[in-house]
């Protein structure tokens, strides 16, 4: 599934690719990083930004492997055009630590003028607060203060979409990790990647299910989904690029 997700995303010629963590299983980290690096090799023309997941990092030793194979620290920011992206590390905790929140605040403050901002992490540390429509937590306060439009995570492997005080929160579907519970597309359990196009301050966020044999190639907008599954049944739209959780 993961290789197919890459092939389908590559046909759309993305400017770059971002994952939301768990590039490896973690049982044999060095060997697995070499294996996944071989999958990436044909796509080196696309800049790749990895988010650290709990299967990627579980110790100081595996953190060093993440740094080696990703080419990035465990948290960092990067720019493309008028958009700024902040990558956070919650690989070893369900919560964002005070140090991670301090990094986030410093990064957002340094890029306050960027008209488009997105925050990415592996675990959706925000999901309980957002699911209860509770804006009183540090990440949301910082996102609101600095005009962040999207907060994106993986880990759960289920497609979910939330809105809270003008900020969109996305839980990405899987790009290869196992599916859970009902395994039903309508409930958000399917293999996919995302295509995100930014024009000015406008963000077009499309979820693209894998084609056969691992899916039916259905395309939806992020806002077609809610907390418990697909809201709008009509599926359509153009295809472009990105990649989701593994």
Protein backbone atom coordinates (compact mmCIF):
# COMPACT_ATOMS: atom_id res chain seq x y z
CA UNK A 1 0.00 0.00 0.00
CA UNK A 2 2.79 2.40 0.92
CA UNK A 3 4.59 1.87 -2.39
CA UNK A 4 1.33 2.36 -4.29
CA UNK A 5 0.65 5.59 -2.39
CA UNK A 6 4.03 6.90 -3.48
CA UNK A 7 3.46 5.92 -7.10
CA UNK A 8 0.07 7.60 -7.22
CA UNK A 9 1.30 10.75 -5.47
CA UNK A 10 4.31 10.98 -7.77
CA UNK A 11 2.12 11.07 -10.89
CA UNK A 12 0.77 14.39 -9.61
CA UNK A 13 4.27 15.95 -9.52
CA UNK A 14 4.11 17.45 -6.03
CA UNK A 15 6.34 20.34 -5.04
CA UNK A 16 7.27 18.31 -1.96
CA UNK A 17 5.96 15.45 0.19
CA UNK A 18 5.21 15.43 3.92
CA UNK A 19 4.49 12.33 5.96
CA UNK A 20 2.81 12.26 9.36
CA UNK A 21 5.01 9.63 10.97
CA UNK A 22 5.70 5.91 11.34
CA UNK A 23 7.82 5.40 8.27
CA UNK A 24 9.02 2.13 9.85
CA UNK A 25 7.55 -0.55 12.12
CA UNK A 26 10.44 -0.27 14.57
CA UNK A 27 11.26 -3.93 15.30
CA UNK A 28 14.58 -3.76 13.39
CA UNK A 29 15.04 0.00 12.98
CA UNK A 30 18.26 0.22 10.94
CA UNK A 31 17.21 -2.48 8.47
CA UNK A 32 13.74 -0.99 8.14
CA UNK A 33 15.08 2.51 7.50
CA UNK A 34 17.22 1.07 4.71
CA UNK A 35 14.18 -0.71 3.29
CA UNK A 36 12.01 2.40 3.28
CA UNK A 37 14.88 4.48 1.88
CA UNK A 38 14.92 2.10 -1.09
CA UNK A 39 11.21 2.80 -1.62
CA UNK A 40 11.90 6.54 -1.59
CA UNK A 41 14.88 6.32 -3.96
CA UNK A 42 12.92 6.70 -7.24
CA UNK A 43 11.25 9.83 -5.84
CA UNK A 44 14.30 11.78 -4.68
CA UNK A 45 13.32 14.63 -6.98
CA UNK A 46 10.57 15.48 -4.48
CA UNK A 47 11.79 17.11 -1.25
CA UNK A 48 10.65 14.90 1.63
CA UNK A 49 9.77 16.11 5.13
CA UNK A 50 9.23 13.42 7.76
CA UNK A 51 7.29 13.78 10.99
CA UNK A 52 8.63 11.50 13.75
CA UNK A 53 6.21 8.77 14.82
CA UNK A 54 6.16 6.43 17.80
CA UNK A 55 7.39 3.53 15.63
CA UNK A 56 10.21 5.73 14.32
CA UNK A 57 11.53 6.92 17.68
CA UNK A 58 11.42 5.08 20.99
CA UNK A 59 14.90 5.72 22.40
CA UNK A 60 17.96 7.97 21.99
CA UNK A 61 19.39 5.41 19.56
CA UNK A 62 16.31 5.35 17.33
CA UNK A 63 16.17 9.15 17.46
CA UNK A 64 19.64 9.21 15.93
CA UNK A 65 18.46 6.87 13.18
CA UNK A 66 15.52 9.16 12.48
CA UNK A 67 17.87 12.12 12.18
CA UNK A 68 20.19 10.14 9.90
CA UNK A 69 17.56 8.87 7.48
CA UNK A 70 15.18 11.83 7.52
CA UNK A 71 17.89 14.46 7.23
CA UNK A 72 16.01 16.59 9.77
CA UNK A 73 15.92 17.13 13.52
CA UNK A 74 12.97 15.77 15.47
CA UNK A 75 11.22 19.15 15.34
CA UNK A 76 11.73 21.84 12.75
CA UNK A 77 10.03 24.31 10.45
CA UNK A 78 10.21 24.82 6.72
CA UNK A 79 8.79 27.18 4.11
CA UNK A 80 7.40 26.79 0.64
CA UNK A 81 6.18 29.89 -1.16
CA UNK A 82 3.98 31.84 1.21
CA UNK A 83 3.34 28.83 3.48
CA UNK A 84 5.15 27.86 6.67
CA UNK A 85 5.03 24.36 8.16
CA UNK A 86 5.93 23.46 11.75
CA UNK A 87 6.82 19.83 12.46
CA UNK A 88 6.48 18.75 16.09
CA UNK A 89 7.79 15.69 17.93
CA UNK A 90 5.34 13.80 20.13
CA UNK A 91 6.72 10.39 19.18
CA UNK A 92 7.30 9.34 22.79
CA UNK A 93 4.29 10.90 24.49
CA UNK A 94 0.60 11.41 23.84
CA UNK A 95 1.08 14.98 25.04
CA UNK A 96 3.13 17.85 23.71
CA UNK A 97 5.83 18.58 26.27
CA UNK A 98 6.51 22.12 27.57
CA UNK A 99 9.73 22.12 25.53
CA UNK A 100 7.83 21.17 22.37
CA UNK A 101 5.25 23.90 22.96
CA UNK A 102 8.07 26.39 23.53
CA UNK A 103 9.59 25.38 20.19
CA UNK A 104 6.20 25.77 18.51
CA UNK A 105 5.71 29.25 19.95
CA UNK A 106 9.18 30.35 18.89
CA UNK A 107 8.76 28.96 15.39
CA UNK A 108 5.34 30.54 14.87
CA UNK A 109 6.54 33.86 16.26
CA UNK A 110 9.53 33.85 13.91
CA UNK A 111 7.20 33.24 10.95
CA UNK A 112 4.26 35.33 12.08
CA UNK A 113 4.15 37.15 8.73
CA UNK A 114 3.58 33.96 6.71
CA UNK A 115 -0.03 34.11 5.42
CA UNK A 116 -0.43 30.30 5.47
CA UNK A 117 0.63 28.16 8.44
CA UNK A 118 0.22 24.47 9.22
CA UNK A 119 1.27 22.39 12.23
CA UNK A 120 2.09 18.70 11.82
CA UNK A 121 2.66 15.99 14.41
CA UNK A 122 2.29 12.23 14.52
CA UNK A 123 -0.03 11.79 17.48
CA UNK A 124 -3.20 13.91 17.51
CA UNK A 125 -2.49 15.25 21.00
CA UNK A 126 -5.36 17.68 20.46
CA UNK A 127 -8.10 15.18 19.62
CA UNK A 128 -9.90 15.00 22.98
CA UNK A 129 -10.03 18.79 23.38
CA UNK A 130 -11.17 19.38 19.81
CA UNK A 131 -13.67 16.52 19.93
CA UNK A 132 -15.25 18.15 22.99
CA UNK A 133 -15.13 21.63 21.34
CA UNK A 134 -12.84 22.82 24.14
CA UNK A 135 -10.42 25.54 22.94
CA UNK A 136 -8.65 25.78 26.29
CA UNK A 137 -5.38 24.00 25.55
CA UNK A 138 -1.92 25.40 24.73
CA UNK A 139 -1.53 24.21 21.12
CA UNK A 140 -4.86 25.70 20.10
CA UNK A 141 -4.17 29.00 21.85
CA UNK A 142 -0.86 29.31 20.00
CA UNK A 143 -2.41 28.27 16.69
CA UNK A 144 -5.13 30.86 17.09
CA UNK A 145 -2.72 33.59 18.21
CA UNK A 146 -0.48 33.15 15.17
CA UNK A 147 -3.14 32.48 12.54
CA UNK A 148 -2.55 28.78 11.88
CA UNK A 149 -5.13 27.36 9.45
CA UNK A 150 -4.48 23.59 9.68
CA UNK A 151 -3.28 21.18 12.37
CA UNK A 152 -2.59 17.71 10.93
CA UNK A 153 -1.73 14.38 12.54
CA UNK A 154 -1.65 10.63 11.86
CA UNK A 155 -1.28 7.72 14.32
CA UNK A 156 -4.98 6.80 14.51
CA UNK A 157 -5.12 5.71 10.81
CA UNK A 158 -8.68 7.10 10.54
CA UNK A 159 -9.84 10.04 8.44
CA UNK A 160 -11.42 12.64 10.71
CA UNK A 161 -12.04 16.35 10.31
CA UNK A 162 -12.80 18.93 13.00
CA UNK A 163 -13.27 22.70 13.06
CA UNK A 164 -12.59 24.76 16.19
CA UNK A 165 -12.61 28.57 16.21
CA UNK A 166 -11.61 28.79 12.57
CA UNK A 167 -8.81 26.22 12.77
CA UNK A 168 -9.09 22.93 10.86
CA UNK A 169 -7.87 19.78 12.58
CA UNK A 170 -7.22 16.70 10.42
CA UNK A 171 -6.56 13.09 11.38
CA UNK A 172 -5.13 11.46 8.27
CA UNK A 173 -6.06 8.02 6.93
CA UNK A 174 -3.45 5.32 6.50
CA UNK A 175 -0.96 4.93 3.66
CA UNK A 176 -0.02 1.40 4.67
CA UNK A 177 -0.56 0.91 8.40
CA UNK A 178 -3.31 -1.51 9.41
CA UNK A 179 -6.94 -0.46 9.50
CA UNK A 180 -9.02 -0.82 12.65
CA UNK A 181 -12.59 -1.27 13.84
CA UNK A 182 -15.14 -1.42 10.99
CA UNK A 183 -12.67 -1.18 8.06
CA UNK A 184 -15.42 0.76 6.26
CA UNK A 185 -14.56 3.62 3.93
CA UNK A 186 -17.57 5.62 5.15
CA UNK A 187 -16.21 5.43 8.70
CA UNK A 188 -12.82 6.81 7.67
CA UNK A 189 -10.92 3.51 7.46
CA UNK A 190 -9.13 3.31 4.11
CA UNK A 191 -5.74 3.73 2.45
CA UNK A 192 -5.02 7.13 0.93
CA UNK A 193 -2.78 10.10 0.45
CA UNK A 194 -3.68 13.78 0.46
CA UNK A 195 -3.28 16.45 -2.17
CA UNK A 196 -2.95 19.95 -0.74
CA UNK A 197 -2.87 22.96 -3.04
CA UNK A 198 -2.28 26.47 -1.71
CA UNK A 199 -3.26 29.55 -3.71
CA UNK A 200 -2.75 32.77 -1.82
CA UNK A 201 -4.43 32.08 1.51
CA UNK A 202 -6.80 29.49 0.03
CA UNK A 203 -6.10 25.84 0.84
CA UNK A 204 -7.61 23.01 -1.21
CA UNK A 205 -7.23 19.84 0.88
CA UNK A 206 -8.29 16.66 -0.93
CA UNK A 207 -8.19 13.11 0.35
CA UNK A 208 -7.38 10.63 -2.42
CA UNK A 209 -8.14 6.97 -1.73
CA UNK A 210 -5.74 4.50 -3.31
CA UNK A 211 -6.87 2.94 -6.55
CA UNK A 212 -7.34 -0.82 -7.08
CA UNK A 213 -6.31 -3.22 -5.71
CA UNK A 214 -6.12 -1.38 -2.37
CA UNK A 215 -9.04 1.01 -2.88
CA UNK A 216 -11.51 2.47 -5.35
CA UNK A 217 -9.78 5.79 -6.06
CA UNK A 218 -12.49 7.90 -4.45
CA UNK A 219 -11.65 11.60 -3.96
CA UNK A 220 -13.17 13.78 -1.26
CA UNK A 221 -12.51 17.14 0.27
CA UNK A 222 -11.36 17.31 3.87
CA UNK A 223 -14.59 19.06 4.84
CA UNK A 224 -16.61 16.10 3.52
CA UNK A 225 -15.52 14.27 6.67
CA UNK A 226 -16.45 14.75 10.30
CA UNK A 227 -15.65 13.20 13.64
CA UNK A 228 -17.44 9.94 12.87
CA UNK A 229 -17.04 9.51 9.12
CA UNK A 230 -18.12 10.73 5.73
CA UNK A 231 -20.67 13.53 5.81
CA UNK A 232 -21.25 14.11 2.09
CA UNK A 233 -21.57 11.02 -0.07
CA UNK A 234 -20.83 12.71 -3.40
CA UNK A 235 -17.26 11.97 -4.44
CA UNK A 236 -15.35 13.70 -7.20
CA UNK A 237 -12.74 16.28 -8.09
CA UNK A 238 -9.29 16.48 -9.60
CA UNK A 239 -6.24 14.54 -8.43
CA UNK A 240 -2.90 15.90 -7.28
CA UNK A 241 -0.33 15.14 -4.56
CA UNK A 242 0.93 14.57 -1.05
CA UNK A 243 1.14 11.58 1.24
CA UNK A 244 -0.58 10.55 4.44
CA UNK A 245 0.17 8.31 7.42
CA UNK A 246 1.71 4.92 7.03
